[in-house]
Amino acid sequence: MLSDHQQDGLLISLFATAEAMGQQLTQGAALIMVDDLVSYTEPVLAQALKACRREGGRLTVASIIKHADGADGRPGKDEAWSIALAGSDEAETVVMTFEIQQAMTASAPILAMGDKVGARMAFISAYERLVAQARSQATPVRWSVSLGFDPNRRLRAVETAQRMNLITQDQAAGYIADLRIVPTTQDGVAIAGLLSGEARQASPEVSKKLAKVREIIDADKAKRQRAAYKRGQAERVRIYLRKRQARAAIASAISQVRGSG
């Protein structure tokens, strides 16, 4: 949100940009434009106005917003999809925005079925909606690192993200410090997936052991479900008998009243 002083500066910039583009803005139009642009930051608006001057044409709120949105650091839909696609590889370490992470939840089940075209459509639909919502609320872009289990790719991805200023130096240092810890193996990820309920690929030997563990877990779960059903069944029978007893008592009382009458 621009301060009052920054809004005054934007007003002057709008008049100057319009004049440079061969237009004349009225005071009322300029004030309305400031009101429409007040949620953007000053540096983003400065870059957007510069882009409008270079592009030419008429200066409109729509043209300014188009360039302002493009300057917020969020990748376009196609670039975002390529990042999401790389992130679907559990071995790969990728840097992605919050919106990409959220949109991946919509496309992941479809991608798991092998329908890459359908997954892309679902992802882009969700991504564009999330980005539009974030931009309407002037939410700054937020990048984070999604670590894969391949240790060699982790460090390269973090260093590249820091060089591209997608994450801060402090964030990069924190990730690198975490990487000094013994990395989780693919089998370790699979075991963690067993606990969390998420299917993960493991080595053949570990897969056999995990299959046995899953059988034990499933059997125990089924046993607990049967026990819960039995308890519920017993409770339903108890309630039924109590109601039947109550109905019998009421019928008996009514019969006695009629008999005494």
Protein backbone atom coordinates (compact mmCIF):
# COMPACT_ATOMS: atom_id res chain seq x y z
CA MET A 1 0.00 0.00 0.00
CA LEU A 2 1.42 3.35 -1.04
CA SER A 3 1.76 6.07 1.59
CA ASP A 4 0.22 9.51 1.01
CA HIS A 5 3.62 10.85 -0.01
CA GLN A 6 4.15 7.97 -2.45
CA GLN A 7 0.69 8.52 -3.93
CA ASP A 8 1.60 12.14 -4.61
CA GLY A 9 4.76 10.93 -6.33
CA LEU A 10 2.76 8.46 -8.43
CA LEU A 11 0.38 11.23 -9.45
CA ILE A 12 3.27 13.30 -10.80
CA SER A 13 4.73 10.23 -12.55
CA LEU A 14 1.40 9.54 -14.24
CA PHE A 15 1.17 13.07 -15.60
CA ALA A 16 4.79 12.96 -16.79
CA THR A 17 4.44 9.51 -18.40
CA ALA A 18 1.20 10.48 -20.15
CA GLU A 19 2.84 13.62 -21.51
CA ALA A 20 5.86 11.61 -22.70
CA MET A 21 3.44 9.28 -24.53
CA GLY A 22 1.59 12.18 -26.20
CA GLN A 23 -1.41 12.20 -23.87
CA GLN A 24 -2.99 14.73 -21.55
CA LEU A 25 -4.45 13.38 -18.30
CA THR A 26 -7.15 15.26 -16.43
CA GLN A 27 -6.78 15.61 -12.69
CA GLY A 28 -9.85 13.44 -12.08
CA ALA A 29 -8.57 10.63 -14.33
CA ALA A 30 -5.14 10.70 -12.70
CA LEU A 31 -6.66 10.50 -9.21
CA ILE A 32 -8.77 7.50 -10.23
CA MET A 33 -5.68 5.79 -11.66
CA VAL A 34 -3.79 6.36 -8.40
CA ASP A 35 -6.67 4.82 -6.48
CA ASP A 36 -6.57 1.74 -8.75
CA LEU A 37 -2.80 1.36 -8.37
CA VAL A 38 -2.40 2.12 -4.67
CA SER A 39 -1.93 -1.55 -3.69
CA TYR A 40 1.31 -1.91 -5.68
CA THR A 41 4.74 -0.99 -4.38
CA GLU A 42 6.59 2.11 -5.58
CA PRO A 43 9.47 0.23 -7.31
CA VAL A 44 7.03 -2.06 -9.16
CA LEU A 45 5.00 0.93 -10.41
CA ALA A 46 8.14 2.76 -11.49
CA GLN A 47 9.17 -0.23 -13.60
CA ALA A 48 5.64 -0.61 -14.97
CA LEU A 49 5.48 3.04 -16.08
CA LYS A 50 8.90 2.71 -17.69
CA ALA A 51 7.69 -0.36 -19.59
CA CYS A 52 4.58 1.54 -20.74
CA ARG A 53 6.72 4.39 -22.09
CA ARG A 54 8.87 1.94 -24.01
CA GLU A 55 5.89 0.01 -25.31
CA GLY A 56 4.05 3.07 -26.57
CA GLY A 57 0.33 3.34 -27.23
CA ARG A 58 -2.07 4.82 -24.71
CA LEU A 59 -1.41 4.97 -20.99
CA THR A 60 -4.21 3.12 -19.22
CA VAL A 61 -4.66 1.47 -15.86
CA ALA A 62 -4.85 -1.89 -17.63
CA SER A 63 -1.49 -1.40 -19.34
CA ILE A 64 0.16 -0.31 -16.09
CA ILE A 65 -1.28 -3.28 -14.17
CA LYS A 66 -0.17 -5.66 -16.93
CA HIS A 67 3.43 -4.57 -16.53
CA ALA A 68 3.18 -4.27 -12.74
CA ASP A 69 1.92 -7.84 -12.47
CA GLY A 70 4.73 -9.03 -14.72
CA ALA A 71 7.26 -7.36 -12.43
CA ASP A 72 6.17 -9.05 -9.21
CA GLY A 73 8.57 -11.96 -9.72
CA ARG A 74 5.98 -14.67 -10.28
CA PRO A 75 6.74 -16.89 -13.27
CA GLY A 76 4.33 -17.17 -16.18
CA LYS A 77 2.03 -20.19 -16.46
CA ASP A 78 4.32 -22.14 -18.81
CA GLU A 79 7.44 -21.56 -16.73
CA ALA A 80 5.49 -22.40 -13.58
CA TRP A 81 4.34 -25.70 -15.11
CA SER A 82 7.91 -26.65 -16.05
CA ILE A 83 8.96 -25.97 -12.45
CA ALA A 84 6.05 -28.05 -11.15
CA LEU A 85 6.90 -30.86 -13.54
CA ALA A 86 10.49 -30.91 -12.27
CA GLY A 87 9.17 -30.84 -8.71
CA SER A 88 7.12 -33.99 -9.34
CA ASP A 89 10.43 -35.89 -9.50
CA GLU A 90 11.16 -36.78 -5.89
CA ALA A 91 14.89 -36.88 -6.59
CA GLU A 92 14.90 -33.32 -7.90
CA THR A 93 15.39 -30.22 -5.76
CA VAL A 94 13.48 -27.25 -7.14
CA VAL A 95 12.77 -23.68 -6.09
CA MET A 96 9.11 -22.75 -6.45
CA THR A 97 6.62 -20.13 -5.39
CA PHE A 98 3.79 -20.66 -2.94
CA GLU A 99 1.29 -20.55 -5.82
CA ILE A 100 3.14 -23.30 -7.71
CA GLN A 101 3.13 -25.49 -4.61
CA GLN A 102 -0.61 -25.00 -4.15
CA ALA A 103 -1.45 -25.56 -7.83
CA MET A 104 0.53 -28.81 -7.81
CA THR A 105 -2.02 -30.31 -5.43
CA ALA A 106 -4.62 -29.97 -8.18
CA SER A 107 -2.49 -31.54 -10.87
CA ALA A 108 -0.61 -34.23 -8.91
CA PRO A 109 -3.38 -36.91 -8.93
CA ILE A 110 -3.90 -36.48 -12.67
CA LEU A 111 -0.17 -36.56 -13.37
CA ALA A 112 0.13 -39.73 -11.28
CA MET A 113 -2.32 -41.41 -13.68
CA GLY A 114 -0.02 -40.54 -16.59
CA ASP A 115 -2.23 -37.83 -18.10
CA LYS A 116 0.33 -35.04 -18.56
CA VAL A 117 -1.97 -32.92 -20.75
CA GLY A 118 -4.82 -33.07 -18.24
CA ALA A 119 -2.43 -32.38 -15.38
CA ARG A 120 -1.08 -29.31 -17.18
CA MET A 121 -4.59 -27.95 -17.74
CA ALA A 122 -5.54 -28.49 -14.09
CA PHE A 123 -2.29 -26.91 -12.89
CA ILE A 124 -2.56 -23.81 -15.09
CA SER A 125 -6.20 -23.25 -14.14
CA ALA A 126 -5.36 -23.40 -10.42
CA TYR A 127 -2.13 -21.43 -10.82
CA GLU A 128 -3.71 -18.53 -12.70
CA ARG A 129 -6.50 -18.32 -10.12
CA LEU A 130 -4.04 -18.32 -7.21
CA VAL A 131 -1.76 -15.72 -8.85
CA ALA A 132 -4.71 -13.45 -9.64
CA GLN A 133 -5.85 -13.69 -6.03
CA ALA A 134 -2.37 -12.95 -4.69
CA ARG A 135 -1.95 -9.97 -7.01
CA SER A 136 -5.36 -8.56 -6.13
CA GLN A 137 -4.29 -8.64 -2.48
CA ALA A 138 -0.82 -7.25 -3.32
CA THR A 139 0.81 -10.32 -1.73
CA PRO A 140 4.56 -10.38 -2.42
CA VAL A 141 5.99 -13.41 -4.19
CA ARG A 142 7.41 -16.04 -1.83
CA TRP A 143 9.96 -18.57 -3.07
CA SER A 144 10.99 -21.67 -1.18
CA VAL A 145 13.16 -24.72 -1.79
CA SER A 146 11.54 -28.14 -2.18
CA LEU A 147 14.31 -30.60 -1.37
CA GLY A 148 14.58 -33.84 -3.31
CA PHE A 149 16.38 -36.89 -1.96
CA ASP A 150 19.32 -36.62 -4.42
CA PRO A 151 21.99 -34.83 -2.32
CA ASN A 152 24.05 -33.78 -5.35
CA ARG A 153 21.17 -31.82 -6.86
CA ARG A 154 20.21 -30.14 -3.61
CA LEU A 155 23.27 -27.95 -3.22
CA ARG A 156 23.29 -26.89 -6.88
CA ALA A 157 19.62 -25.89 -6.73
CA VAL A 158 20.04 -23.84 -3.55
CA GLU A 159 23.13 -22.04 -4.87
CA THR A 160 21.39 -21.27 -8.19
CA ALA A 161 18.33 -19.92 -6.38
CA GLN A 162 20.50 -17.65 -4.27
CA ARG A 163 22.41 -16.35 -7.31
CA MET A 164 19.10 -15.55 -9.03
CA ASN A 165 17.92 -13.72 -5.87
CA LEU A 166 14.92 -16.02 -5.55
CA ILE A 167 15.88 -16.69 -1.94
CA THR A 168 17.93 -14.53 0.41
CA GLN A 169 21.50 -15.29 1.41
CA ASP A 170 20.32 -16.15 4.91
CA GLN A 171 17.75 -18.60 3.53
CA ALA A 172 20.39 -20.20 1.32
CA ALA A 173 22.77 -20.51 4.29
CA GLY A 174 20.00 -22.19 6.29
CA TYR A 175 19.27 -24.72 3.55
CA ILE A 176 22.98 -25.45 3.04
CA ALA A 177 23.42 -25.96 6.78
CA ASP A 178 20.55 -28.46 6.72
CA LEU A 179 22.19 -30.28 3.83
CA ARG A 180 25.25 -30.98 5.96
CA ILE A 181 23.07 -33.39 7.89
CA VAL A 182 23.21 -36.92 6.52
CA PRO A 183 20.73 -36.87 3.61
CA THR A 184 17.64 -39.02 3.69
CA THR A 185 17.99 -42.02 1.42
CA GLN A 186 15.30 -43.17 -0.96
CA ASP A 187 14.52 -46.02 1.42
CA GLY A 188 14.27 -43.54 4.27
CA VAL A 189 11.78 -41.49 2.28
CA ALA A 190 9.78 -44.66 1.60
CA ILE A 191 9.69 -45.53 5.31
CA ALA A 192 8.56 -42.00 6.15
CA GLY A 193 5.88 -42.36 3.49
CA LEU A 194 4.65 -45.52 5.17
CA LEU A 195 4.13 -43.58 8.39
CA SER A 196 2.48 -40.62 6.68
CA GLY A 197 0.32 -42.71 4.37
CA GLU A 198 2.05 -41.48 1.19
CA ALA A 199 3.30 -44.11 -1.23
CA ARG A 200 7.04 -43.84 -1.97
CA GLN A 201 9.30 -46.00 -4.10
CA ALA A 202 11.92 -48.01 -2.20
CA SER A 203 14.58 -50.55 -3.11
CA PRO A 204 13.29 -54.11 -3.84
CA GLU A 205 14.57 -55.50 -0.54
CA VAL A 206 13.08 -52.70 1.54
CA SER A 207 9.89 -52.84 -0.52
CA LYS A 208 9.33 -56.46 0.58
CA LYS A 209 9.83 -55.54 4.22
CA LEU A 210 7.56 -52.52 3.91
CA ALA A 211 4.90 -54.71 2.29
CA LYS A 212 4.93 -56.96 5.37
CA VAL A 213 4.72 -53.95 7.67
CA ARG A 214 1.81 -52.61 5.63
CA GLU A 215 0.03 -55.96 6.00
CA ILE A 216 0.45 -55.79 9.76
CA ILE A 217 -0.76 -52.18 9.85
CA ASP A 218 -3.73 -52.95 7.59
CA ALA A 219 -4.64 -56.02 9.63
CA ASP A 220 -4.50 -54.04 12.86
CA LYS A 221 -6.57 -51.27 11.29
CA ALA A 222 -9.16 -53.79 10.10
CA LYS A 223 -9.23 -55.38 13.58
CA ARG A 224 -9.83 -52.01 15.22
CA GLN A 225 -12.54 -51.19 12.70
CA ARG A 226 -14.30 -54.51 13.41
CA ALA A 227 -14.07 -53.90 17.14
CA ALA A 228 -15.49 -50.41 16.70
CA TYR A 229 -18.33 -51.81 14.59
CA LYS A 230 -19.09 -54.46 17.24
CA ARG A 231 -19.17 -51.81 19.95
CA GLY A 232 -21.50 -49.72 17.85
CA GLN A 233 -23.67 -52.72 17.11
CA ALA A 234 -23.91 -53.59 20.81
CA GLU A 235 -24.85 -49.98 21.60
CA ARG A 236 -27.56 -50.01 18.94
CA VAL A 237 -29.00 -53.26 20.36
CA ARG A 238 -28.95 -51.81 23.89
CA ILE A 239 -30.80 -48.70 22.74
CA TYR A 240 -33.33 -50.81 20.84
CA LEU A 241 -34.01 -53.02 23.89
CA ARG A 242 -34.33 -49.98 26.15
CA LYS A 243 -36.83 -48.39 23.76
CA ARG A 244 -38.75 -51.67 23.50
CA GLN A 245 -38.86 -51.92 27.28
CA ALA A 246 -40.10 -48.34 27.49
CA ARG A 247 -42.81 -49.01 24.92
CA ALA A 248 -43.90 -52.12 26.84
CA ALA A 249 -44.07 -50.13 30.08
CA ILE A 250 -46.14 -47.42 28.41
CA ALA A 251 -48.49 -50.01 26.89
CA SER A 252 -48.88 -51.70 30.26
CA ALA A 253 -49.65 -48.40 31.96
CA ILE A 254 -52.25 -47.52 29.33
CA SER A 255 -53.84 -50.97 29.71
CA GLN A 256 -54.09 -50.55 33.47
CA VAL A 257 -55.70 -47.14 33.10
CA ARG A 258 -58.26 -48.50 30.69
CA GLY A 259 -58.93 -51.48 32.96
CA SER A 260 -59.53 -49.32 35.99
CA GLY A 261 -61.87 -47.11 33.96
